């Protein structure tokens, strides 16, 4: 059987749920179009999504840029805490800050591993690390 979209859905042929899932999660087509392309019903698609835990079509796709921006906010907040903490030991907070900076590095590296994305400059990361180290040293010298 050939659907309106030209995709062949052979009667009795097994449904390629891996392709259905990729189209659904990639938001390549609306659910109704996916069903038509693969010769399934909306109920079958909904059932498979619920049983296998596919994300909802309405779920917000987290972009790498959003993660980096959020991580920068976390780092800024931690630096402010570090500067405001006069009587607290600095080692624990400095370690947390170090871990967060490494997390930011990883997020940026992950973005660079994607095709057609410019890699982050080492200079930018070196500058950020130097600023963090300078602030920590200034705090220690109070």
N, C-alpha and C. Protein backbone atom coordinates (compact mmCIF):
# COMPACT_ATOMS: atom_id res chain seq x y z
N UNK A 1 0.84 -1.17 0.00
CA UNK A 1 0.00 0.00 0.00
C UNK A 1 0.89 1.23 0.00
N UNK A 2 0.56 2.23 -0.79
CA UNK A 2 1.31 3.48 -0.85
C UNK A 2 0.44 4.57 -0.23
N UNK A 3 1.00 5.28 0.74
CA UNK A 3 0.25 6.35 1.38
C UNK A 3 0.26 7.59 0.51
N UNK A 4 -0.48 8.60 0.94
CA UNK A 4 -0.55 9.86 0.20
C UNK A 4 0.82 10.51 0.05
N UNK A 5 1.70 10.27 1.01
CA UNK A 5 3.01 10.91 0.99
C UNK A 5 4.04 10.13 0.19
N UNK A 6 3.63 9.03 -0.41
CA UNK A 6 4.55 8.28 -1.25
C UNK A 6 5.38 7.26 -0.49
N UNK A 7 5.23 7.18 0.80
CA UNK A 7 5.98 6.20 1.59
C UNK A 7 5.26 4.86 1.50
N UNK A 8 6.03 3.86 1.21
CA UNK A 8 5.42 2.55 1.07
C UNK A 8 5.28 1.87 2.41
N UNK A 9 4.08 1.53 2.76
CA UNK A 9 3.80 0.77 3.97
C UNK A 9 3.22 -0.56 3.51
N UNK A 10 4.08 -1.55 3.41
CA UNK A 10 3.65 -2.84 2.90
C UNK A 10 2.80 -3.56 3.94
N UNK A 11 1.65 -4.07 3.52
CA UNK A 11 0.81 -4.81 4.46
C UNK A 11 1.56 -6.04 4.98
N UNK A 12 1.50 -6.22 6.28
CA UNK A 12 2.15 -7.38 6.89
C UNK A 12 3.62 -7.18 7.19
N UNK A 13 4.22 -6.13 6.65
CA UNK A 13 5.64 -5.85 6.92
C UNK A 13 5.76 -5.33 8.36
N UNK A 14 6.83 -5.71 9.04
CA UNK A 14 6.99 -5.21 10.41
C UNK A 14 7.19 -3.70 10.42
N UNK A 15 6.65 -3.09 11.45
CA UNK A 15 6.77 -1.63 11.58
C UNK A 15 8.17 -1.31 12.09
N UNK A 16 8.83 -0.40 11.44
CA UNK A 16 10.18 0.02 11.85
C UNK A 16 10.06 1.08 12.94
N UNK A 17 9.90 0.61 14.19
CA UNK A 17 9.68 1.52 15.30
C UNK A 17 10.89 2.41 15.56
N UNK A 18 12.08 1.94 15.17
CA UNK A 18 13.26 2.79 15.34
C UNK A 18 13.16 4.03 14.46
N UNK A 19 12.65 3.86 13.24
CA UNK A 19 12.49 4.99 12.33
C UNK A 19 11.35 5.88 12.81
N UNK A 20 10.26 5.26 13.26
CA UNK A 20 9.12 6.02 13.77
C UNK A 20 9.58 6.88 14.95
N UNK A 21 10.34 6.27 15.86
CA UNK A 21 10.81 7.01 17.03
C UNK A 21 11.74 8.16 16.63
N UNK A 22 12.64 7.90 15.70
CA UNK A 22 13.57 8.94 15.25
C UNK A 22 12.81 10.12 14.64
N UNK A 23 11.79 9.82 13.83
CA UNK A 23 10.99 10.89 13.23
C UNK A 23 10.20 11.65 14.29
N UNK A 24 9.68 10.91 15.26
CA UNK A 24 8.89 11.53 16.33
C UNK A 24 9.76 12.40 17.23
N UNK A 25 10.86 11.84 17.72
CA UNK A 25 11.72 12.59 18.64
C UNK A 25 12.46 13.72 17.93
N UNK A 26 12.74 13.53 16.66
CA UNK A 26 13.41 14.57 15.89
C UNK A 26 12.47 15.66 15.42
N UNK A 27 11.17 15.44 15.68
CA UNK A 27 10.14 16.39 15.26
C UNK A 27 10.21 16.68 13.76
N UNK A 28 10.49 15.61 12.99
CA UNK A 28 10.56 15.77 11.54
C UNK A 28 9.17 15.94 10.93
N UNK A 29 8.18 15.29 11.55
CA UNK A 29 6.81 15.34 11.05
C UNK A 29 5.85 15.42 12.24
N UNK A 30 4.64 15.86 11.97
CA UNK A 30 3.60 15.82 12.99
C UNK A 30 3.22 14.36 13.23
N UNK A 31 2.71 14.04 14.43
CA UNK A 31 2.35 12.65 14.72
C UNK A 31 1.39 12.04 13.69
N UNK A 32 0.42 12.81 13.23
CA UNK A 32 -0.53 12.28 12.23
C UNK A 32 0.18 11.92 10.94
N UNK A 33 1.16 12.71 10.54
CA UNK A 33 1.92 12.43 9.32
C UNK A 33 2.80 11.20 9.51
N UNK A 34 3.40 11.07 10.68
CA UNK A 34 4.23 9.89 10.97
C UNK A 34 3.37 8.63 10.88
N UNK A 35 2.19 8.70 11.46
CA UNK A 35 1.28 7.54 11.40
C UNK A 35 0.93 7.19 9.97
N UNK A 36 0.65 8.19 9.18
CA UNK A 36 0.30 7.95 7.78
C UNK A 36 1.49 7.35 7.02
N UNK A 37 2.67 7.87 7.29
CA UNK A 37 3.87 7.39 6.59
C UNK A 37 4.16 5.92 6.88
N UNK A 38 3.85 5.49 8.10
CA UNK A 38 4.22 4.13 8.51
C UNK A 38 3.03 3.18 8.64
N UNK A 39 1.85 3.67 8.29
CA UNK A 39 0.67 2.80 8.31
C UNK A 39 0.27 2.37 9.70
N UNK A 40 0.39 3.28 10.68
CA UNK A 40 -0.02 2.97 12.06
C UNK A 40 -1.07 3.98 12.48
N UNK A 41 -1.72 3.69 13.60
CA UNK A 41 -2.73 4.61 14.12
C UNK A 41 -2.10 5.51 15.17
N UNK A 42 -2.80 6.60 15.46
CA UNK A 42 -2.33 7.48 16.53
C UNK A 42 -2.30 6.75 17.87
N UNK A 43 -3.25 5.85 18.08
CA UNK A 43 -3.29 5.08 19.32
C UNK A 43 -2.04 4.19 19.43
N UNK A 44 -1.63 3.57 18.33
CA UNK A 44 -0.41 2.74 18.35
C UNK A 44 0.82 3.60 18.68
N UNK A 45 0.89 4.75 18.06
CA UNK A 45 2.02 5.66 18.31
C UNK A 45 2.03 6.10 19.77
N UNK A 46 0.89 6.50 20.30
CA UNK A 46 0.77 6.93 21.69
C UNK A 46 1.15 5.80 22.64
N UNK A 47 0.66 4.60 22.36
CA UNK A 47 0.96 3.44 23.21
C UNK A 47 2.47 3.18 23.23
N UNK A 48 3.09 3.16 22.07
CA UNK A 48 4.53 2.89 21.99
C UNK A 48 5.32 3.97 22.74
N UNK A 49 4.89 5.23 22.57
CA UNK A 49 5.55 6.35 23.24
C UNK A 49 5.48 6.20 24.75
N UNK A 50 4.30 5.82 25.26
CA UNK A 50 4.12 5.68 26.70
C UNK A 50 4.88 4.47 27.25
N UNK A 51 4.81 3.35 26.55
CA UNK A 51 5.46 2.13 27.02
C UNK A 51 6.99 2.27 27.02
N UNK A 52 7.54 2.89 25.98
CA UNK A 52 8.99 3.01 25.86
C UNK A 52 9.54 4.31 26.44
N UNK A 53 8.65 5.15 26.95
CA UNK A 53 9.10 6.38 27.59
C UNK A 53 9.66 7.44 26.65
N UNK A 54 9.09 7.55 25.46
CA UNK A 54 9.54 8.59 24.54
C UNK A 54 9.13 9.94 25.11
N UNK A 55 9.90 10.98 24.86
CA UNK A 55 9.49 12.30 25.36
C UNK A 55 8.26 12.79 24.60
N UNK A 56 7.46 13.58 25.27
CA UNK A 56 6.27 14.14 24.64
C UNK A 56 6.68 15.06 23.49
N UNK A 57 5.82 15.16 22.51
CA UNK A 57 6.09 16.04 21.37
C UNK A 57 6.10 17.49 21.84
N UNK A 58 5.45 17.75 22.96
CA UNK A 58 5.41 19.10 23.52
C UNK A 58 6.61 19.41 24.40
N UNK A 59 7.40 18.39 24.71
CA UNK A 59 8.56 18.60 25.58
C UNK A 59 9.55 19.55 24.92
N UNK A 60 10.09 20.43 25.73
CA UNK A 60 11.05 21.41 25.22
C UNK A 60 12.39 20.73 25.00
N UNK A 61 12.94 20.93 23.82
CA UNK A 61 14.25 20.37 23.51
C UNK A 61 15.31 21.30 24.08
N UNK A 62 16.17 20.76 24.93
CA UNK A 62 17.22 21.57 25.54
C UNK A 62 18.35 21.74 24.54
N UNK A 63 18.68 23.00 24.28
CA UNK A 63 19.77 23.29 23.35
C UNK A 63 21.07 23.44 24.13
N UNK A 64 22.17 23.16 23.47
CA UNK A 64 23.48 23.24 24.12
C UNK A 64 23.77 24.66 24.58
N UNK A 65 23.34 25.65 23.81
CA UNK A 65 23.57 27.05 24.19
C UNK A 65 22.87 27.37 25.50
N UNK A 66 21.67 26.80 25.70
CA UNK A 66 20.92 27.02 26.94
C UNK A 66 21.67 26.43 28.13
N UNK A 67 22.23 25.24 27.94
CA UNK A 67 22.97 24.61 29.03
C UNK A 67 24.20 25.42 29.42
N UNK A 68 24.91 25.92 28.43
CA UNK A 68 26.11 26.73 28.70
C UNK A 68 25.71 28.01 29.43
N UNK A 69 24.65 28.66 28.98
CA UNK A 69 24.20 29.89 29.63
C UNK A 69 23.80 29.63 31.08
N UNK A 70 23.10 28.54 31.31
CA UNK A 70 22.71 28.20 32.68
C UNK A 70 23.92 27.90 33.55
N UNK A 71 24.91 27.21 32.96
CA UNK A 71 26.10 26.88 33.73
C UNK A 71 26.89 28.14 34.07
N UNK A 72 26.93 29.11 33.16
CA UNK A 72 27.60 30.38 33.45
C UNK A 72 26.92 31.11 34.61
N UNK A 73 25.58 31.03 34.67
CA UNK A 73 24.85 31.65 35.78
C UNK A 73 25.19 30.95 37.10
N UNK A 74 25.29 29.62 37.06
CA UNK A 74 25.66 28.87 38.27
C UNK A 74 27.06 29.28 38.73
N UNK A 75 27.99 29.39 37.80
CA UNK A 75 29.35 29.80 38.15
C UNK A 75 29.36 31.20 38.75
N UNK A 76 28.62 32.12 38.16
CA UNK A 76 28.56 33.47 38.68
C UNK A 76 28.01 33.48 40.10
N UNK A 77 26.96 32.72 40.34
CA UNK A 77 26.36 32.65 41.67
C UNK A 77 27.36 32.08 42.68
N UNK A 78 28.09 31.06 42.28
CA UNK A 78 29.07 30.44 43.18
C UNK A 78 30.21 31.42 43.49
N UNK A 79 30.63 32.19 42.49
CA UNK A 79 31.69 33.17 42.71
C UNK A 79 31.21 34.24 43.70
N UNK A 80 29.97 34.68 43.55
CA UNK A 80 29.41 35.67 44.48
C UNK A 80 29.35 35.12 45.90
N UNK A 81 28.95 33.86 46.05
CA UNK A 81 28.95 33.23 47.38
C UNK A 81 30.34 33.18 47.97
N UNK A 82 31.29 32.84 47.12
CA UNK A 82 32.68 32.74 47.56
C UNK A 82 33.18 34.10 48.04
N UNK A 83 32.84 35.14 47.32
CA UNK A 83 33.27 36.49 47.71
C UNK A 83 32.58 36.97 48.99
N UNK A 84 31.33 36.55 49.18
CA UNK A 84 30.58 37.00 50.35
C UNK A 84 30.91 36.22 51.61
N UNK A 85 31.45 35.04 51.48
CA UNK A 85 31.73 34.18 52.64
C UNK A 85 33.01 34.64 53.31
N UNK A 86 32.86 35.30 54.46
CA UNK A 86 34.03 35.82 55.16
C UNK A 86 34.53 34.82 56.19
N UNK A 87 33.63 34.18 56.89
CA UNK A 87 34.02 33.30 57.99
C UNK A 87 34.03 31.82 57.62
N UNK A 88 33.63 31.47 56.43
CA UNK A 88 33.54 30.07 56.04
C UNK A 88 34.85 29.60 55.41
N UNK A 89 35.16 28.29 55.54
CA UNK A 89 36.36 27.77 54.88
C UNK A 89 36.23 27.87 53.36
N UNK A 90 37.28 28.28 52.73
CA UNK A 90 37.24 28.53 51.29
C UNK A 90 37.46 27.27 50.46
N UNK A 91 38.12 26.28 51.03
CA UNK A 91 38.49 25.08 50.25
C UNK A 91 37.28 24.38 49.64
N UNK A 92 36.24 24.19 50.43
CA UNK A 92 35.07 23.48 49.92
C UNK A 92 34.42 24.26 48.77
N UNK A 93 34.26 25.56 48.94
CA UNK A 93 33.64 26.38 47.90
C UNK A 93 34.52 26.46 46.66
N UNK A 94 35.83 26.51 46.85
CA UNK A 94 36.74 26.54 45.71
C UNK A 94 36.67 25.24 44.93
N UNK A 95 36.53 24.12 45.64
CA UNK A 95 36.40 22.82 44.96
C UNK A 95 35.11 22.75 44.15
N UNK A 96 34.02 23.26 44.73
CA UNK A 96 32.74 23.28 44.00
C UNK A 96 32.88 24.13 42.74
N UNK A 97 33.52 25.27 42.87
CA UNK A 97 33.73 26.16 41.73
C UNK A 97 34.57 25.48 40.65
N UNK A 98 35.58 24.75 41.07
CA UNK A 98 36.43 24.03 40.13
C UNK A 98 35.64 22.97 39.36
N UNK A 99 34.81 22.24 40.06
CA UNK A 99 33.99 21.20 39.42
C UNK A 99 33.02 21.84 38.43
N UNK A 100 32.44 22.97 38.81
CA UNK A 100 31.50 23.64 37.92
C UNK A 100 32.20 24.16 36.67
N UNK A 101 33.42 24.65 36.82
CA UNK A 101 34.17 25.12 35.65
C UNK A 101 34.48 23.95 34.71
N UNK A 102 34.79 22.78 35.28
CA UNK A 102 35.03 21.60 34.45
C UNK A 102 33.77 21.18 33.72
N UNK A 103 32.63 21.29 34.40
CA UNK A 103 31.35 20.97 33.76
C UNK A 103 31.10 21.89 32.57
N UNK A 104 31.39 23.17 32.76
CA UNK A 104 31.25 24.12 31.66
C UNK A 104 32.16 23.75 30.49
N UNK A 105 33.39 23.35 30.80
CA UNK A 105 34.32 22.89 29.75
C UNK A 105 33.72 21.74 28.96
N UNK A 106 33.16 20.77 29.67
CA UNK A 106 32.58 19.59 29.02
C UNK A 106 31.41 19.98 28.12
N UNK A 107 30.54 20.87 28.62
CA UNK A 107 29.41 21.30 27.81
C UNK A 107 29.87 21.97 26.53
N UNK A 108 30.90 22.79 26.64
CA UNK A 108 31.41 23.47 25.45
C UNK A 108 32.07 22.47 24.51
N UNK A 109 32.80 21.51 25.04
CA UNK A 109 33.42 20.47 24.20
C UNK A 109 32.36 19.67 23.46
N UNK A 110 31.26 19.35 24.14
CA UNK A 110 30.19 18.59 23.50
C UNK A 110 29.62 19.36 22.31
N UNK A 111 29.50 20.66 22.46
CA UNK A 111 29.01 21.50 21.35
C UNK A 111 29.99 21.51 20.20
N UNK A 112 31.27 21.49 20.50
CA UNK A 112 32.29 21.50 19.45
C UNK A 112 32.34 20.18 18.70
N UNK A 113 31.87 19.11 19.33
CA UNK A 113 31.91 17.81 18.68
C UNK A 113 30.78 17.65 17.66
N UNK A 114 29.83 18.56 17.67
CA UNK A 114 28.73 18.48 16.73
C UNK A 114 29.18 18.97 15.37
N UNK A 115 28.64 18.44 14.30
CA UNK A 115 29.03 18.88 12.96
C UNK A 115 28.63 20.34 12.71
N UNK A 116 29.42 21.00 11.91
CA UNK A 116 29.17 22.38 11.49
C UNK A 116 29.14 23.38 12.64
N UNK A 117 29.84 23.08 13.73
CA UNK A 117 29.92 24.00 14.86
C UNK A 117 31.37 24.37 15.08
N UNK A 118 31.62 25.67 15.19
CA UNK A 118 32.98 26.14 15.44
C UNK A 118 33.42 25.68 16.83
N UNK A 119 34.64 25.18 16.96
CA UNK A 119 35.10 24.80 18.29
C UNK A 119 35.35 26.04 19.14
N UNK A 120 35.17 25.91 20.47
CA UNK A 120 35.42 27.06 21.32
C UNK A 120 36.90 27.39 21.32
N UNK A 121 37.21 28.64 21.50
CA UNK A 121 38.61 29.02 21.52
C UNK A 121 39.20 28.71 22.88
N UNK A 122 40.41 28.22 22.87
CA UNK A 122 41.11 27.92 24.12
C UNK A 122 41.36 29.20 24.91
N UNK A 123 41.52 30.31 24.18
CA UNK A 123 41.78 31.59 24.83
C UNK A 123 40.62 31.97 25.75
N UNK A 124 39.38 31.78 25.28
CA UNK A 124 38.21 32.12 26.09
C UNK A 124 38.18 31.32 27.39
N UNK A 125 38.43 30.03 27.29
CA UNK A 125 38.41 29.17 28.48
C UNK A 125 39.59 29.50 29.40
N UNK A 126 40.74 29.80 28.83
CA UNK A 126 41.91 30.15 29.64
C UNK A 126 41.64 31.45 30.39
N UNK A 127 41.04 32.42 29.72
CA UNK A 127 40.70 33.69 30.37
C UNK A 127 39.74 33.46 31.54
N UNK A 128 38.72 32.63 31.33
CA UNK A 128 37.76 32.34 32.39
C UNK A 128 38.44 31.68 33.58
N UNK A 129 39.28 30.71 33.31
CA UNK A 129 40.00 30.04 34.41
C UNK A 129 40.92 31.01 35.15
N UNK A 130 41.61 31.86 34.40
CA UNK A 130 42.50 32.83 35.03
C UNK A 130 41.73 33.79 35.93
N UNK A 131 40.58 34.25 35.47
CA UNK A 131 39.75 35.14 36.28
C UNK A 131 39.29 34.45 37.55
N UNK A 132 38.86 33.17 37.41
CA UNK A 132 38.43 32.43 38.59
C UNK A 132 39.58 32.25 39.58
N UNK A 133 40.74 31.88 39.07
CA UNK A 133 41.91 31.68 39.94
C UNK A 133 42.30 32.98 40.62
N UNK A 134 42.22 34.09 39.90
CA UNK A 134 42.57 35.39 40.46
C UNK A 134 41.62 35.77 41.58
N UNK A 135 40.33 35.54 41.37
CA UNK A 135 39.34 35.86 42.41
C UNK A 135 39.54 34.99 43.65
N UNK A 136 39.81 33.72 43.44
CA UNK A 136 40.04 32.83 44.59
C UNK A 136 41.28 33.29 45.35
N UNK A 137 42.34 33.65 44.65
CA UNK A 137 43.56 34.11 45.30
C UNK A 137 43.32 35.42 46.05
N UNK A 138 42.55 36.32 45.47
CA UNK A 138 42.23 37.57 46.15
C UNK A 138 41.47 37.30 47.43
N UNK A 139 40.55 36.35 47.37
CA UNK A 139 39.78 36.01 48.55
C UNK A 139 40.67 35.43 49.64
N UNK A 140 41.58 34.57 49.28
CA UNK A 140 42.48 33.94 50.24
C UNK A 140 43.40 34.97 50.91
N UNK A 141 43.74 36.00 50.17
CA UNK A 141 44.68 37.01 50.68
C UNK A 141 44.00 38.07 51.54
N UNK A 142 42.74 37.99 51.80
CA UNK A 142 42.04 38.98 52.64
C UNK A 142 42.59 39.01 54.03
